[in-house]
């Protein structure tokens, strides 16, 4: 069966959201362990968008964010991206190093944000992998502080324009009583996305 990704059914959306809820729940548990602080999460919104529309879902192409990129490899290929507004990235750094007004662009704090992104991304993808029975692994994270449009353009170059759609998880974390917005994007190449939807159909039908 060839899937028209632009016309996913309610069933596919529900299944992907259920898988994502499990993945993000496990990821938040790991994040709370790292931060040594309770982390609460709102049930994430899930959207499937064409790659050129991702910036619109994320505040616009010119919006500056703290981004963590991880390459996905195995039987599923693509990229995972964590996007944090600067204030959310700063909250994470403040919590870890226990000081106020952290400079999120210095190398130590960039490393901390990368580690948070790697924990969220790799734990999320492990749950995704276990649930669907596919092999997928996340690479060493790469941190960038840039406009969303520039980040997405870089990914397109790296993937040689193979990616067409992104699965966008938009959620709200609460850390020490403060709201922390974040987005996790998974960008699969067309063959990988086809495989994932085949697995979803096989499991739920």
C-alpha atoms as a PDB file:
ATOM      1  CA  UNK A   1       0.000   0.000   0.000  1.00  0.00           C
ATOM      2  CA  UNK A   2       1.278   3.468  -0.885  1.00  0.00           C
ATOM      3  CA  UNK A   3       0.284   6.099   1.661  1.00  0.00           C
ATOM      4  CA  UNK A   4      -0.685   9.648   0.808  1.00  0.00           C
ATOM      5  CA  UNK A   5       0.953  11.315   3.805  1.00  0.00           C
ATOM      6  CA  UNK A   6      -0.926  14.540   3.126  1.00  0.00           C
ATOM      7  CA  UNK A   7      -4.220  12.730   3.760  1.00  0.00           C
ATOM      8  CA  UNK A   8      -3.642  10.664   6.877  1.00  0.00           C
ATOM      9  CA  UNK A   9      -6.792   9.260   8.435  1.00  0.00           C
ATOM     10  CA  UNK A  10      -8.009   9.978  11.951  1.00  0.00           C
ATOM     11  CA  UNK A  11      -6.872   6.455  12.790  1.00  0.00           C
ATOM     12  CA  UNK A  12      -3.284   7.214  11.770  1.00  0.00           C
ATOM     13  CA  UNK A  13      -3.263  10.458  13.733  1.00  0.00           C
ATOM     14  CA  UNK A  14      -4.658   8.720  16.824  1.00  0.00           C
ATOM     15  CA  UNK A  15      -2.126   5.894  16.582  1.00  0.00           C
ATOM     16  CA  UNK A  16       0.818   8.242  16.077  1.00  0.00           C
ATOM     17  CA  UNK A  17      -0.355  10.390  18.976  1.00  0.00           C
ATOM     18  CA  UNK A  18      -0.669   7.359  21.265  1.00  0.00           C
ATOM     19  CA  UNK A  19       2.839   6.207  20.369  1.00  0.00           C
ATOM     20  CA  UNK A  20       4.135   9.746  20.873  1.00  0.00           C
ATOM     21  CA  UNK A  21       2.447  10.049  24.277  1.00  0.00           C
ATOM     22  CA  UNK A  22       4.238   6.914  25.442  1.00  0.00           C
ATOM     23  CA  UNK A  23       7.552   8.144  24.054  1.00  0.00           C
ATOM     24  CA  UNK A  24       7.321  11.644  25.488  1.00  0.00           C
ATOM     25  CA  UNK A  25       6.165  10.283  28.859  1.00  0.00           C
ATOM     26  CA  UNK A  26       9.263   8.093  29.093  1.00  0.00           C
ATOM     27  CA  UNK A  27      11.431  10.993  27.944  1.00  0.00           C
ATOM     28  CA  UNK A  28      10.075  13.319  30.638  1.00  0.00           C
ATOM     29  CA  UNK A  29      10.772  10.690  33.317  1.00  0.00           C
ATOM     30  CA  UNK A  30      14.390  10.576  32.141  1.00  0.00           C
ATOM     31  CA  UNK A  31      14.559  14.385  32.079  1.00  0.00           C
ATOM     32  CA  UNK A  32      13.252  14.616  35.649  1.00  0.00           C
ATOM     33  CA  UNK A  33      15.963  12.182  36.749  1.00  0.00           C
ATOM     34  CA  UNK A  34      18.633  14.288  35.072  1.00  0.00           C
ATOM     35  CA  UNK A  35      17.350  17.570  36.513  1.00  0.00           C
ATOM     36  CA  UNK A  36      16.634  16.042  39.928  1.00  0.00           C
ATOM     37  CA  UNK A  37      13.375  17.923  39.878  1.00  0.00           C
ATOM     38  CA  UNK A  38       9.773  17.061  39.150  1.00  0.00           C
ATOM     39  CA  UNK A  39       8.815  17.721  35.543  1.00  0.00           C
ATOM     40  CA  UNK A  40       5.151  17.802  34.564  1.00  0.00           C
ATOM     41  CA  UNK A  41       3.936  17.686  30.993  1.00  0.00           C
ATOM     42  CA  UNK A  42       0.764  18.561  29.173  1.00  0.00           C
ATOM     43  CA  UNK A  43      -0.476  16.021  26.642  1.00  0.00           C
ATOM     44  CA  UNK A  44       1.313  17.094  23.449  1.00  0.00           C
ATOM     45  CA  UNK A  45      -0.445  18.269  20.329  1.00  0.00           C
ATOM     46  CA  UNK A  46       0.569  16.323  17.241  1.00  0.00           C
ATOM     47  CA  UNK A  47       0.634  17.667  13.721  1.00  0.00           C
ATOM     48  CA  UNK A  48       1.969  16.270  10.463  1.00  0.00           C
ATOM     49  CA  UNK A  49       3.138  19.109   8.266  1.00  0.00           C
ATOM     50  CA  UNK A  50       4.989  19.614   5.031  1.00  0.00           C
ATOM     51  CA  UNK A  51       8.551  20.604   5.802  1.00  0.00           C
ATOM     52  CA  UNK A  52       8.155  24.105   4.406  1.00  0.00           C
ATOM     53  CA  UNK A  53       5.304  24.734   6.876  1.00  0.00           C
ATOM     54  CA  UNK A  54       7.232  23.676   9.992  1.00  0.00           C
ATOM     55  CA  UNK A  55       8.393  27.225  10.734  1.00  0.00           C
ATOM     56  CA  UNK A  56       4.764  28.416  10.732  1.00  0.00           C
ATOM     57  CA  UNK A  57       3.943  25.899  13.480  1.00  0.00           C
ATOM     58  CA  UNK A  58       7.007  27.005  15.441  1.00  0.00           C
ATOM     59  CA  UNK A  59       6.601  30.773  15.568  1.00  0.00           C
ATOM     60  CA  UNK A  60       7.905  31.826  12.159  1.00  0.00           C
ATOM     61  CA  UNK A  61      11.096  31.340  10.147  1.00  0.00           C
ATOM     62  CA  UNK A  62      12.821  34.332  11.784  1.00  0.00           C
ATOM     63  CA  UNK A  63      12.257  33.176  15.370  1.00  0.00           C
ATOM     64  CA  UNK A  64      15.493  32.486  17.241  1.00  0.00           C
ATOM     65  CA  UNK A  65      15.544  29.172  19.113  1.00  0.00           C
ATOM     66  CA  UNK A  66      17.920  26.887  20.917  1.00  0.00           C
ATOM     67  CA  UNK A  67      17.923  23.785  18.768  1.00  0.00           C
ATOM     68  CA  UNK A  68      19.329  20.297  19.242  1.00  0.00           C
ATOM     69  CA  UNK A  69      19.672  18.117  16.147  1.00  0.00           C
ATOM     70  CA  UNK A  70      20.125  14.361  16.106  1.00  0.00           C
ATOM     71  CA  UNK A  71      20.448  12.152  13.066  1.00  0.00           C
ATOM     72  CA  UNK A  72      18.303   9.010  13.061  1.00  0.00           C
ATOM     73  CA  UNK A  73      19.688   5.834  11.587  1.00  0.00           C
ATOM     74  CA  UNK A  74      18.843   2.130  11.437  1.00  0.00           C
ATOM     75  CA  UNK A  75      15.812   0.753   9.594  1.00  0.00           C
ATOM     76  CA  UNK A  76      14.281   4.253   9.966  1.00  0.00           C
ATOM     77  CA  UNK A  77      16.256   7.266   8.778  1.00  0.00           C
ATOM     78  CA  UNK A  78      15.854  10.984   9.255  1.00  0.00           C
ATOM     79  CA  UNK A  79      16.379  13.648  11.896  1.00  0.00           C
ATOM     80  CA  UNK A  80      14.990  14.503  15.301  1.00  0.00           C
ATOM     81  CA  UNK A  81      15.036  18.142  16.375  1.00  0.00           C
ATOM     82  CA  UNK A  82      14.274  19.741  19.730  1.00  0.00           C
ATOM     83  CA  UNK A  83      13.363  23.419  19.524  1.00  0.00           C
ATOM     84  CA  UNK A  84      13.284  25.548  22.672  1.00  0.00           C
ATOM     85  CA  UNK A  85      12.553  29.267  23.017  1.00  0.00           C
ATOM     86  CA  UNK A  86      15.561  30.980  24.656  1.00  0.00           C
ATOM     87  CA  UNK A  87      13.683  31.455  27.926  1.00  0.00           C
ATOM     88  CA  UNK A  88      12.933  27.717  28.150  1.00  0.00           C
ATOM     89  CA  UNK A  89      16.548  26.822  27.407  1.00  0.00           C
ATOM     90  CA  UNK A  90      17.654  29.278  30.090  1.00  0.00           C
ATOM     91  CA  UNK A  91      15.276  27.728  32.624  1.00  0.00           C
ATOM     92  CA  UNK A  92      16.857  24.333  32.021  1.00  0.00           C
ATOM     93  CA  UNK A  93      20.354  25.733  32.503  1.00  0.00           C
ATOM     94  CA  UNK A  94      19.320  27.693  35.605  1.00  0.00           C
ATOM     95  CA  UNK A  95      17.918  24.491  37.113  1.00  0.00           C
ATOM     96  CA  UNK A  96      20.973  22.364  36.366  1.00  0.00           C
ATOM     97  CA  UNK A  97      23.695  24.801  37.420  1.00  0.00           C
ATOM     98  CA  UNK A  98      21.538  26.467  40.083  1.00  0.00           C
ATOM     99  CA  UNK A  99      22.091  30.058  39.130  1.00  0.00           C
ATOM    100  CA  UNK A 100      19.939  32.760  37.574  1.00  0.00           C
ATOM    101  CA  UNK A 101      20.119  34.303  34.114  1.00  0.00           C
ATOM    102  CA  UNK A 102      22.379  31.658  32.601  1.00  0.00           C
ATOM    103  CA  UNK A 103      24.055  32.527  29.317  1.00  0.00           C
ATOM    104  CA  UNK A 104      22.688  29.810  27.027  1.00  0.00           C
ATOM    105  CA  UNK A 105      25.257  30.570  24.336  1.00  0.00           C
ATOM    106  CA  UNK A 106      28.345  29.705  26.342  1.00  0.00           C
ATOM    107  CA  UNK A 107      29.886  26.271  25.589  1.00  0.00           C
ATOM    108  CA  UNK A 108      29.052  24.689  28.945  1.00  0.00           C
ATOM    109  CA  UNK A 109      25.382  25.583  28.748  1.00  0.00           C
ATOM    110  CA  UNK A 110      25.182  24.603  25.085  1.00  0.00           C
ATOM    111  CA  UNK A 111      26.499  21.208  26.174  1.00  0.00           C
ATOM    112  CA  UNK A 112      23.837  20.986  28.893  1.00  0.00           C
ATOM    113  CA  UNK A 113      21.057  21.822  26.433  1.00  0.00           C
ATOM    114  CA  UNK A 114      22.445  19.245  23.996  1.00  0.00           C
ATOM    115  CA  UNK A 115      22.391  16.609  26.719  1.00  0.00           C
ATOM    116  CA  UNK A 116      18.774  17.434  27.570  1.00  0.00           C
ATOM    117  CA  UNK A 117      17.865  17.188  23.895  1.00  0.00           C
ATOM    118  CA  UNK A 118      19.677  13.870  23.588  1.00  0.00           C
ATOM    119  CA  UNK A 119      17.912  12.424  26.632  1.00  0.00           C
ATOM    120  CA  UNK A 120      14.501  13.522  25.352  1.00  0.00           C
ATOM    121  CA  UNK A 121      15.186  12.460  21.775  1.00  0.00           C
ATOM    122  CA  UNK A 122      16.867   9.110  22.400  1.00  0.00           C
ATOM    123  CA  UNK A 123      14.359   8.043  25.096  1.00  0.00           C
ATOM    124  CA  UNK A 124      11.472   9.075  22.871  1.00  0.00           C
ATOM    125  CA  UNK A 125      12.885   7.148  19.905  1.00  0.00           C
ATOM    126  CA  UNK A 126      13.583   4.069  22.049  1.00  0.00           C
ATOM    127  CA  UNK A 127       9.911   3.941  23.017  1.00  0.00           C
ATOM    128  CA  UNK A 128       8.955   4.556  19.384  1.00  0.00           C
ATOM    129  CA  UNK A 129      11.280   1.750  18.288  1.00  0.00           C
ATOM    130  CA  UNK A 130      10.061  -0.722  20.912  1.00  0.00           C
ATOM    131  CA  UNK A 131       6.397  -0.014  20.229  1.00  0.00           C
ATOM    132  CA  UNK A 132       6.593  -0.426  16.455  1.00  0.00           C
ATOM    133  CA  UNK A 133       9.342  -3.033  16.331  1.00  0.00           C
ATOM    134  CA  UNK A 134      11.733  -0.992  14.184  1.00  0.00           C
ATOM    135  CA  UNK A 135      15.411  -0.339  14.717  1.00  0.00           C
ATOM    136  CA  UNK A 136      16.125   3.362  15.110  1.00  0.00           C
ATOM    137  CA  UNK A 137      18.949   5.093  16.936  1.00  0.00           C
ATOM    138  CA  UNK A 138      19.798   8.739  17.617  1.00  0.00           C
ATOM    139  CA  UNK A 139      23.267  10.124  16.917  1.00  0.00           C
ATOM    140  CA  UNK A 140      25.367  12.376  19.122  1.00  0.00           C
ATOM    141  CA  UNK A 141      23.458  15.679  19.462  1.00  0.00           C
ATOM    142  CA  UNK A 142      24.468  18.910  17.751  1.00  0.00           C
ATOM    143  CA  UNK A 143      23.431  22.228  19.324  1.00  0.00           C
ATOM    144  CA  UNK A 144      22.594  25.321  17.331  1.00  0.00           C
ATOM    145  CA  UNK A 145      21.292  28.755  18.260  1.00  0.00           C
ATOM    146  CA  UNK A 146      19.707  30.153  15.144  1.00  0.00           C
ATOM    147  CA  UNK A 147      16.535  31.099  13.305  1.00  0.00           C
ATOM    148  CA  UNK A 148      14.080  28.242  12.766  1.00  0.00           C
ATOM    149  CA  UNK A 149      14.168  28.781   9.007  1.00  0.00           C
ATOM    150  CA  UNK A 150      17.959  28.421   8.915  1.00  0.00           C
ATOM    151  CA  UNK A 151      17.833  25.245  11.038  1.00  0.00           C
ATOM    152  CA  UNK A 152      15.263  23.615   8.770  1.00  0.00           C
ATOM    153  CA  UNK A 153      17.179  24.646   5.635  1.00  0.00           C
ATOM    154  CA  UNK A 154      20.301  23.001   7.061  1.00  0.00           C
ATOM    155  CA  UNK A 155      18.418  19.759   7.670  1.00  0.00           C
ATOM    156  CA  UNK A 156      17.078  19.772   4.124  1.00  0.00           C
ATOM    157  CA  UNK A 157      20.617  20.158   2.801  1.00  0.00           C
ATOM    158  CA  UNK A 158      21.852  17.309   5.013  1.00  0.00           C
ATOM    159  CA  UNK A 159      19.026  15.039   3.846  1.00  0.00           C
ATOM    160  CA  UNK A 160      19.452  16.047   0.187  1.00  0.00           C
ATOM    161  CA  UNK A 161      15.823  17.206   0.034  1.00  0.00           C
ATOM    162  CA  UNK A 162      14.595  13.657   0.808  1.00  0.00           C
ATOM    163  CA  UNK A 163      12.328  14.741   3.638  1.00  0.00           C
ATOM    164  CA  UNK A 164       8.864  16.013   2.752  1.00  0.00           C
ATOM    165  CA  UNK A 165       6.935  15.878   6.026  1.00  0.00           C
ATOM    166  CA  UNK A 166       7.611  16.427   9.716  1.00  0.00           C
ATOM    167  CA  UNK A 167       5.781  15.011  12.721  1.00  0.00           C
ATOM    168  CA  UNK A 168       5.538  17.897  15.185  1.00  0.00           C
ATOM    169  CA  UNK A 169       4.989  17.416  18.910  1.00  0.00           C
ATOM    170  CA  UNK A 170       4.132  20.690  20.585  1.00  0.00           C
ATOM    171  CA  UNK A 171       4.030  20.454  24.347  1.00  0.00           C
ATOM    172  CA  UNK A 172       4.273  22.371  27.592  1.00  0.00           C
ATOM    173  CA  UNK A 173       6.492  21.252  30.444  1.00  0.00           C
ATOM    174  CA  UNK A 174       6.335  22.621  33.964  1.00  0.00           C
ATOM    175  CA  UNK A 175       9.650  22.758  35.776  1.00  0.00           C
ATOM    176  CA  UNK A 176       9.798  24.134  39.338  1.00  0.00           C
ATOM    177  CA  UNK A 177       6.487  25.890  38.765  1.00  0.00           C
ATOM    178  CA  UNK A 178       7.668  27.561  35.567  1.00  0.00           C
ATOM    179  CA  UNK A 179       6.227  26.818  32.135  1.00  0.00           C
ATOM    180  CA  UNK A 180       8.687  25.543  29.563  1.00  0.00           C
ATOM    181  CA  UNK A 181       7.513  25.267  25.974  1.00  0.00           C
ATOM    182  CA  UNK A 182       9.178  22.881  23.610  1.00  0.00           C
ATOM    183  CA  UNK A 183       8.780  21.138  20.287  1.00  0.00           C
ATOM    184  CA  UNK A 184      10.092  17.789  19.174  1.00  0.00           C
ATOM    185  CA  UNK A 185      10.203  17.272  15.430  1.00  0.00           C
ATOM    186  CA  UNK A 186      10.778  13.957  13.743  1.00  0.00           C
ATOM    187  CA  UNK A 187      11.622  14.200  10.065  1.00  0.00           C
ATOM    188  CA  UNK A 188      11.642  10.847   8.313  1.00  0.00           C
ATOM    189  CA  UNK A 189      12.591  10.207   4.718  1.00  0.00           C
ATOM    190  CA  UNK A 190       9.642   8.993   2.574  1.00  0.00           C
ATOM    191  CA  UNK A 191      10.657   5.305   2.718  1.00  0.00           C
ATOM    192  CA  UNK A 192      10.928   5.412   6.518  1.00  0.00           C
ATOM    193  CA  UNK A 193       7.601   7.184   6.944  1.00  0.00           C
ATOM    194  CA  UNK A 194       5.974   4.592   4.684  1.00  0.00           C
ATOM    195  CA  UNK A 195       7.429   1.812   6.849  1.00  0.00           C
ATOM    196  CA  UNK A 196       6.168   3.441  10.042  1.00  0.00           C
ATOM    197  CA  UNK A 197       2.618   3.743   8.713  1.00  0.00           C
ATOM    198  CA  UNK A 198       2.713   0.127   7.519  1.00  0.00           C
ATOM    199  CA  UNK A 199       3.738  -0.920  11.046  1.00  0.00           C
ATOM    200  CA  UNK A 200       0.910   1.161  12.520  1.00  0.00           C
ATOM    201  CA  UNK A 201      -1.632  -0.523  10.251  1.00  0.00           C
ATOM    202  CA  UNK A 202      -0.279  -3.986  11.013  1.00  0.00           C
ATOM    203  CA  UNK A 203      -0.451  -3.418  14.773  1.00  0.00           C
ATOM    204  CA  UNK A 204      -3.841  -1.777  15.064  1.00  0.00           C
ATOM    205  CA  UNK A 205      -5.824  -3.493  12.303  1.00  0.00           C
END
